[in-house]
Amino acid sequence: MASLATAEACDSNASLLASGDLRCLQPMFQIYGQCRAFSGPIVTLKVFEDNVVVRELLETRGEGRVLVIDGGGSMRCALVGGNLGQLAQNMGWAGIVVNGCIRDVDEINGCDIGVRALASHPVKSNKKGVGERHVPIHFAGTLIRDGEWLYADSDGILVSKTELSV
């Protein structure tokens, strides 16, 4: 998939920004993984300090999609680690955005996917299997819906109601 520069997308889509059909996440994410720029249709997930459903989704074919996880902004444990990063790469996911923490940073940085997260944390998450898939989520000042498009690069993260042309 051709990469789309987020700054250029904002410059050339001012009307979409004004209408809210194109939204920019607040700049609060660290950059991980081999892919500094990635994009794809969004799959949403809402969990809190539990990554069982994260694994279940990443075990499905990614087909170039981006898993966007609202982890409630928790800084008490990691929702994604090296094994899940490798799984995401192997299953064809373009990237993962986590409103929460990751761990095994060196392993994730070796994976051929893009990852954004608030921070790293060495403690693993709970394993209760609680979470909501494909629901609207809200973090980083932005409402994010399943099926919308995400574009990420070194400048930031955009969410669009529809796929943007390069």
Protein backbone atom coordinates (compact mmCIF):
# COMPACT_ATOMS: atom_id res chain seq x y z
CA MET A 1 0.00 0.00 0.00
CA ALA A 2 1.42 3.40 -0.96
CA SER A 3 2.13 5.56 2.03
CA LEU A 4 0.30 8.84 2.47
CA ALA A 5 2.11 11.68 4.25
CA THR A 6 -0.13 12.88 7.07
CA ALA A 7 1.00 16.52 6.76
CA GLU A 8 0.26 16.50 3.04
CA ALA A 9 -3.10 14.80 3.66
CA CYS A 10 -4.05 17.55 6.11
CA ASP A 11 -2.93 20.30 3.70
CA SER A 12 -4.87 18.88 0.76
CA ASN A 13 -8.01 17.92 2.70
CA ALA A 14 -8.81 21.07 4.70
CA SER A 15 -12.55 20.67 4.03
CA LEU A 16 -12.51 17.12 5.45
CA LEU A 17 -10.67 18.38 8.55
CA ALA A 18 -13.22 21.17 8.96
CA SER A 19 -16.16 18.78 8.62
CA GLY A 20 -14.70 16.19 11.01
CA ASP A 21 -14.52 13.50 8.34
CA LEU A 22 -10.72 13.64 8.76
CA ARG A 23 -9.43 13.84 12.34
CA CYS A 24 -5.97 14.07 13.86
CA LEU A 25 -5.15 12.22 17.07
CA GLN A 26 -3.45 14.28 19.76
CA PRO A 27 0.36 13.88 19.62
CA MET A 28 0.86 11.55 22.58
CA PHE A 29 2.14 8.34 21.00
CA GLN A 30 5.60 6.80 20.84
CA ILE A 31 6.71 5.17 17.58
CA TYR A 32 7.67 1.47 17.54
CA GLY A 33 8.11 -1.25 14.91
CA GLN A 34 9.93 -1.30 11.57
CA CYS A 35 7.17 0.51 9.66
CA ARG A 36 7.39 4.21 10.50
CA ALA A 37 4.45 4.86 8.19
CA PHE A 38 1.41 2.60 7.86
CA SER A 39 -2.27 2.79 7.01
CA GLY A 40 -5.34 0.66 6.61
CA PRO A 41 -8.95 0.06 7.58
CA ILE A 42 -9.51 0.20 11.34
CA VAL A 43 -10.59 -2.63 13.62
CA THR A 44 -11.53 -1.24 17.04
CA LEU A 45 -11.17 -2.90 20.40
CA LYS A 46 -11.93 -1.65 23.92
CA VAL A 47 -10.17 -3.44 26.80
CA PHE A 48 -8.72 -2.56 30.18
CA GLU A 49 -5.52 -4.19 31.44
CA ASP A 50 -6.49 -7.47 29.71
CA ASN A 51 -5.06 -8.60 26.37
CA VAL A 52 -6.84 -11.91 25.70
CA VAL A 53 -9.15 -10.32 23.11
CA VAL A 54 -6.15 -8.49 21.60
CA ARG A 55 -4.57 -11.87 20.90
CA GLU A 56 -7.84 -13.31 19.55
CA LEU A 57 -8.14 -10.48 17.02
CA LEU A 58 -4.47 -10.63 16.01
CA GLU A 59 -4.87 -14.38 15.37
CA THR A 60 -7.29 -13.51 12.52
CA ARG A 61 -6.10 -12.48 9.07
CA GLY A 62 -5.09 -8.83 9.20
CA GLU A 63 -5.40 -8.18 5.46
CA GLY A 64 -3.62 -4.84 5.84
CA ARG A 65 -5.90 -3.58 8.59
CA VAL A 66 -4.90 -1.59 11.68
CA LEU A 67 -5.93 -2.74 15.15
CA VAL A 68 -6.81 0.30 17.27
CA ILE A 69 -6.98 -0.58 20.96
CA ASP A 70 -8.53 1.67 23.57
CA GLY A 71 -6.81 0.40 26.70
CA GLY A 72 -8.19 3.23 28.80
CA GLY A 73 -4.79 4.91 28.81
CA SER A 74 -3.60 2.53 31.53
CA MET A 75 0.05 2.92 32.49
CA ARG A 76 0.01 -0.10 34.85
CA CYS A 77 0.68 -2.94 32.38
CA ALA A 78 1.34 -3.73 28.71
CA LEU A 79 -1.38 -4.82 26.29
CA VAL A 80 0.96 -5.83 23.44
CA GLY A 81 4.34 -7.57 23.67
CA GLY A 82 6.85 -9.12 21.34
CA ASN A 83 4.85 -12.30 20.72
CA LEU A 84 1.76 -10.34 19.68
CA GLY A 85 3.88 -8.04 17.53
CA GLN A 86 5.28 -11.04 15.70
CA LEU A 87 1.79 -12.56 15.41
CA ALA A 88 0.45 -9.32 13.92
CA GLN A 89 3.26 -9.29 11.36
CA ASN A 90 2.73 -12.95 10.46
CA MET A 91 -1.04 -12.52 10.08
CA GLY A 92 -0.76 -9.51 7.77
CA TRP A 93 -1.78 -6.62 10.04
CA ALA A 94 -0.43 -3.22 8.91
CA GLY A 95 -0.19 -1.84 12.41
CA ILE A 96 -1.41 -1.48 15.97
CA VAL A 97 -2.29 1.71 17.85
CA VAL A 98 -2.58 1.32 21.63
CA ASN A 99 -4.10 3.82 24.04
CA GLY A 100 -1.98 2.13 26.69
CA CYS A 101 1.41 0.44 26.97
CA ILE A 102 3.45 -2.18 25.17
CA ARG A 103 6.47 -4.22 26.27
CA ASP A 104 9.31 -6.18 24.67
CA VAL A 105 10.21 -3.01 22.79
CA ASP A 106 13.32 -4.48 21.15
CA GLU A 107 11.28 -7.41 19.80
CA ILE A 108 8.49 -5.13 18.55
CA ASN A 109 11.05 -2.84 16.93
CA GLY A 110 12.24 -5.89 14.96
CA CYS A 111 8.74 -6.57 13.58
CA ASP A 112 7.73 -5.43 10.09
CA ILE A 113 4.63 -3.57 11.25
CA GLY A 114 3.90 -0.12 12.65
CA VAL A 115 3.09 0.27 16.34
CA ARG A 116 2.07 3.35 18.30
CA ALA A 117 1.59 3.32 22.06
CA LEU A 118 1.71 5.73 24.98
CA ALA A 119 4.77 4.09 26.57
CA SER A 120 6.45 0.81 27.42
CA HIS A 121 5.86 -1.10 30.66
CA PRO A 122 7.44 -4.43 31.71
CA VAL A 123 4.38 -5.86 33.50
CA LYS A 124 2.09 -8.19 31.50
CA SER A 125 -1.67 -7.69 31.44
CA ASN A 126 -4.44 -9.72 33.03
CA LYS A 127 -5.88 -12.71 31.16
CA LYS A 128 -9.63 -12.58 31.83
CA GLY A 129 -10.88 -12.30 28.25
CA VAL A 130 -12.93 -9.14 28.79
CA GLY A 131 -13.24 -6.68 25.91
CA GLU A 132 -15.53 -5.16 23.30
CA ARG A 133 -14.77 -5.61 19.58
CA HIS A 134 -15.86 -3.36 16.71
CA VAL A 135 -17.26 -0.62 18.97
CA PRO A 136 -16.77 3.15 18.66
CA ILE A 137 -13.89 4.25 20.89
CA HIS A 138 -12.71 7.70 21.98
CA PHE A 139 -9.17 8.68 22.94
CA ALA A 140 -6.50 11.22 22.01
CA GLY A 141 -9.32 13.73 21.51
CA THR A 142 -10.86 11.71 18.70
CA LEU A 143 -13.82 9.43 18.08
CA ILE A 144 -12.68 6.33 16.17
CA ARG A 145 -15.09 3.93 14.48
CA ASP A 146 -14.58 0.41 13.21
CA GLY A 147 -14.15 0.47 9.41
CA GLU A 148 -12.73 3.99 9.21
CA TRP A 149 -9.19 4.48 7.84
CA LEU A 150 -6.04 5.21 9.82
CA TYR A 151 -2.90 6.86 8.45
CA ALA A 152 0.22 7.07 10.61
CA ASP A 153 3.71 8.40 9.97
CA SER A 154 6.41 10.26 11.87
CA ASP A 155 4.29 13.43 11.94
CA GLY A 156 1.19 11.92 13.52
CA ILE A 157 -1.92 9.80 13.22
CA LEU A 158 -5.01 10.60 11.15
CA VAL A 159 -8.42 8.92 11.12
CA SER A 160 -10.61 9.33 8.05
CA LYS A 161 -14.23 8.41 7.49
CA THR A 162 -13.22 7.10 4.04
CA GLU A 163 -10.04 6.00 2.31
CA LEU A 164 -7.94 8.96 1.16
CA SER A 165 -6.30 9.00 -2.27
CA VAL A 166 -2.51 9.27 -2.38
